[in-house]
Amino acid sequence: MVWQKPGSTGNADMLRVMNPTGQYQYGYVRFYNKHGQPIALDGKPGSKATTHIPMKPDGTYPLPAGW
């Protein structure tokens, strides 16, 4: 699933909720800043490992700083 701020283009201001995988049993989320960069929990752009935020068994997930 993808949610994006109205009027945004590309990957800007977007949240992607991804299905479970072998690495992420409950799925994961990715947040993108206004520049379309994936961000980590500290709110800054990061690597693939830090920007894939694991979902908890109940479907919740932590939010990046400033989100």
N, C-alpha and C. Protein backbone atom coordinates (compact mmCIF):
# COMPACT_ATOMS: atom_id res chain seq x y z
N MET A 1 0.85 -1.18 0.00
CA MET A 1 0.00 0.00 0.00
C MET A 1 0.89 1.23 0.00
N VAL A 2 0.41 2.26 -0.62
CA VAL A 2 1.17 3.51 -0.69
C VAL A 2 0.25 4.67 -0.32
N TRP A 3 0.73 5.52 0.56
CA TRP A 3 0.04 6.77 0.87
C TRP A 3 1.00 7.90 0.53
N GLN A 4 0.46 8.95 -0.09
CA GLN A 4 1.30 10.08 -0.47
C GLN A 4 0.54 11.38 -0.28
N LYS A 5 1.26 12.37 0.18
CA LYS A 5 0.69 13.70 0.38
C LYS A 5 0.13 14.20 -0.95
N PRO A 6 -1.11 14.70 -0.96
CA PRO A 6 -1.68 15.22 -2.21
C PRO A 6 -0.78 16.29 -2.82
N GLY A 7 -0.62 16.20 -4.13
CA GLY A 7 0.20 17.16 -4.85
C GLY A 7 1.67 16.77 -4.96
N SER A 8 2.08 15.75 -4.21
CA SER A 8 3.48 15.30 -4.28
C SER A 8 3.70 14.49 -5.54
N THR A 9 4.93 14.48 -6.00
CA THR A 9 5.27 13.70 -7.19
C THR A 9 6.44 12.78 -6.89
N GLY A 10 6.61 11.77 -7.72
CA GLY A 10 7.70 10.81 -7.51
C GLY A 10 7.51 10.10 -6.19
N ASN A 11 8.58 9.99 -5.42
CA ASN A 11 8.51 9.35 -4.10
C ASN A 11 8.38 10.36 -2.96
N ALA A 12 8.22 11.61 -3.25
CA ALA A 12 8.18 12.64 -2.20
C ALA A 12 7.00 12.47 -1.27
N ASP A 13 7.25 12.71 0.03
CA ASP A 13 6.21 12.71 1.07
C ASP A 13 5.33 11.46 0.98
N MET A 14 5.97 10.31 1.05
CA MET A 14 5.26 9.06 0.82
C MET A 14 5.55 8.05 1.92
N LEU A 15 4.58 7.18 2.15
CA LEU A 15 4.71 6.05 3.06
C LEU A 15 4.34 4.80 2.27
N ARG A 16 5.22 3.81 2.30
CA ARG A 16 4.96 2.52 1.65
C ARG A 16 4.87 1.44 2.71
N VAL A 17 3.81 0.66 2.68
CA VAL A 17 3.63 -0.46 3.60
C VAL A 17 3.80 -1.73 2.78
N MET A 18 4.78 -2.53 3.14
CA MET A 18 5.15 -3.69 2.35
C MET A 18 4.73 -5.00 3.03
N ASN A 19 4.43 -6.00 2.22
CA ASN A 19 4.02 -7.31 2.71
C ASN A 19 5.17 -8.02 3.42
N PRO A 20 4.85 -9.04 4.21
CA PRO A 20 5.90 -9.85 4.85
C PRO A 20 6.84 -10.45 3.80
N THR A 21 8.08 -10.63 4.24
CA THR A 21 9.11 -11.28 3.41
C THR A 21 9.85 -12.27 4.30
N GLY A 22 10.81 -12.95 3.74
CA GLY A 22 11.63 -13.85 4.54
C GLY A 22 12.40 -13.12 5.61
N GLN A 23 12.77 -11.88 5.34
CA GLN A 23 13.54 -11.07 6.30
C GLN A 23 12.64 -10.29 7.26
N TYR A 24 11.43 -9.95 6.81
CA TYR A 24 10.51 -9.14 7.62
C TYR A 24 9.22 -9.94 7.78
N GLN A 25 9.15 -10.71 8.83
CA GLN A 25 8.04 -11.64 9.05
C GLN A 25 6.67 -10.96 9.04
N TYR A 26 6.59 -9.75 9.55
CA TYR A 26 5.31 -9.04 9.63
C TYR A 26 5.20 -7.91 8.60
N GLY A 27 6.17 -7.79 7.73
CA GLY A 27 6.20 -6.72 6.76
C GLY A 27 7.08 -5.57 7.25
N TYR A 28 7.15 -4.54 6.44
CA TYR A 28 7.95 -3.38 6.81
C TYR A 28 7.38 -2.14 6.15
N VAL A 29 7.81 -0.99 6.62
CA VAL A 29 7.37 0.28 6.04
C VAL A 29 8.60 1.09 5.63
N ARG A 30 8.38 1.98 4.67
CA ARG A 30 9.41 2.93 4.27
C ARG A 30 8.75 4.31 4.18
N PHE A 31 9.39 5.27 4.79
CA PHE A 31 8.96 6.65 4.75
C PHE A 31 9.91 7.42 3.84
N TYR A 32 9.35 8.36 3.07
CA TYR A 32 10.16 9.17 2.16
C TYR A 32 9.95 10.64 2.49
N ASN A 33 11.05 11.41 2.48
CA ASN A 33 10.96 12.84 2.80
C ASN A 33 10.48 13.65 1.59
N LYS A 34 10.48 14.96 1.71
CA LYS A 34 9.98 15.82 0.65
C LYS A 34 10.85 15.79 -0.61
N HIS A 35 12.05 15.22 -0.49
CA HIS A 35 12.95 15.11 -1.64
C HIS A 35 12.88 13.72 -2.29
N GLY A 36 11.99 12.86 -1.75
CA GLY A 36 11.85 11.51 -2.30
C GLY A 36 12.89 10.53 -1.80
N GLN A 37 13.61 10.90 -0.73
CA GLN A 37 14.64 10.03 -0.17
C GLN A 37 14.05 9.18 0.94
N PRO A 38 14.35 7.88 0.99
CA PRO A 38 13.88 7.07 2.10
C PRO A 38 14.60 7.50 3.37
N ILE A 39 13.87 7.55 4.49
CA ILE A 39 14.47 8.03 5.74
C ILE A 39 14.43 6.94 6.82
N ALA A 40 15.38 7.04 7.73
CA ALA A 40 15.49 6.15 8.88
C ALA A 40 14.69 6.72 10.05
N LEU A 41 14.72 6.02 11.17
CA LEU A 41 13.95 6.48 12.34
C LEU A 41 14.45 7.80 12.91
N ASP A 42 15.69 8.19 12.60
CA ASP A 42 16.18 9.49 13.07
C ASP A 42 15.69 10.63 12.18
N GLY A 43 14.91 10.30 11.13
CA GLY A 43 14.36 11.31 10.24
C GLY A 43 15.29 11.74 9.12
N LYS A 44 16.46 11.10 9.03
CA LYS A 44 17.44 11.45 8.01
C LYS A 44 17.53 10.35 6.96
N PRO A 45 17.91 10.71 5.73
CA PRO A 45 18.09 9.69 4.70
C PRO A 45 19.10 8.64 5.17
N GLY A 46 18.84 7.41 4.78
CA GLY A 46 19.73 6.35 5.24
C GLY A 46 19.84 5.22 4.24
N SER A 47 20.52 4.19 4.66
CA SER A 47 20.75 3.01 3.83
C SER A 47 19.48 2.15 3.77
N LYS A 48 19.50 1.18 2.88
CA LYS A 48 18.37 0.26 2.75
C LYS A 48 18.09 -0.41 4.10
N ALA A 49 19.15 -0.80 4.79
CA ALA A 49 18.98 -1.49 6.08
C ALA A 49 18.31 -0.60 7.13
N THR A 50 18.60 0.69 7.13
CA THR A 50 18.04 1.57 8.16
C THR A 50 16.70 2.17 7.78
N THR A 51 16.36 2.12 6.48
CA THR A 51 15.10 2.72 6.05
C THR A 51 13.98 1.69 5.85
N HIS A 52 14.29 0.41 5.99
CA HIS A 52 13.26 -0.63 6.01
C HIS A 52 12.90 -0.82 7.48
N ILE A 53 11.77 -0.29 7.89
CA ILE A 53 11.37 -0.28 9.29
C ILE A 53 10.42 -1.45 9.54
N PRO A 54 10.84 -2.44 10.33
CA PRO A 54 10.02 -3.63 10.56
C PRO A 54 8.70 -3.31 11.26
N MET A 55 7.65 -3.98 10.79
CA MET A 55 6.35 -3.87 11.45
C MET A 55 6.31 -4.85 12.62
N LYS A 56 5.53 -4.52 13.63
CA LYS A 56 5.34 -5.38 14.79
C LYS A 56 4.21 -6.38 14.49
N PRO A 57 4.11 -7.45 15.28
CA PRO A 57 3.06 -8.45 15.04
C PRO A 57 1.65 -7.86 14.99
N ASP A 58 1.40 -6.77 15.73
CA ASP A 58 0.06 -6.17 15.75
C ASP A 58 -0.16 -5.19 14.58
N GLY A 59 0.81 -5.08 13.68
CA GLY A 59 0.66 -4.22 12.51
C GLY A 59 1.13 -2.79 12.73
N THR A 60 1.58 -2.45 13.90
CA THR A 60 2.06 -1.09 14.16
C THR A 60 3.55 -1.00 13.82
N TYR A 61 4.05 0.24 13.80
CA TYR A 61 5.45 0.48 13.49
C TYR A 61 5.83 1.83 14.07
N PRO A 62 7.12 2.01 14.40
CA PRO A 62 7.57 3.31 14.91
C PRO A 62 7.58 4.35 13.78
N LEU A 63 7.44 5.59 14.17
CA LEU A 63 7.48 6.70 13.19
C LEU A 63 8.83 7.39 13.24
N PRO A 64 9.35 7.79 12.10
CA PRO A 64 10.60 8.54 12.08
C PRO A 64 10.44 9.90 12.77
N ALA A 65 11.52 10.40 13.30
CA ALA A 65 11.53 11.72 13.93
C ALA A 65 10.97 12.76 12.96
N GLY A 66 10.06 13.58 13.42
CA GLY A 66 9.50 14.66 12.61
C GLY A 66 8.41 14.25 11.65
N TRP A 67 8.04 12.99 11.65
CA TRP A 67 7.02 12.54 10.68
C TRP A 67 5.64 12.93 11.12
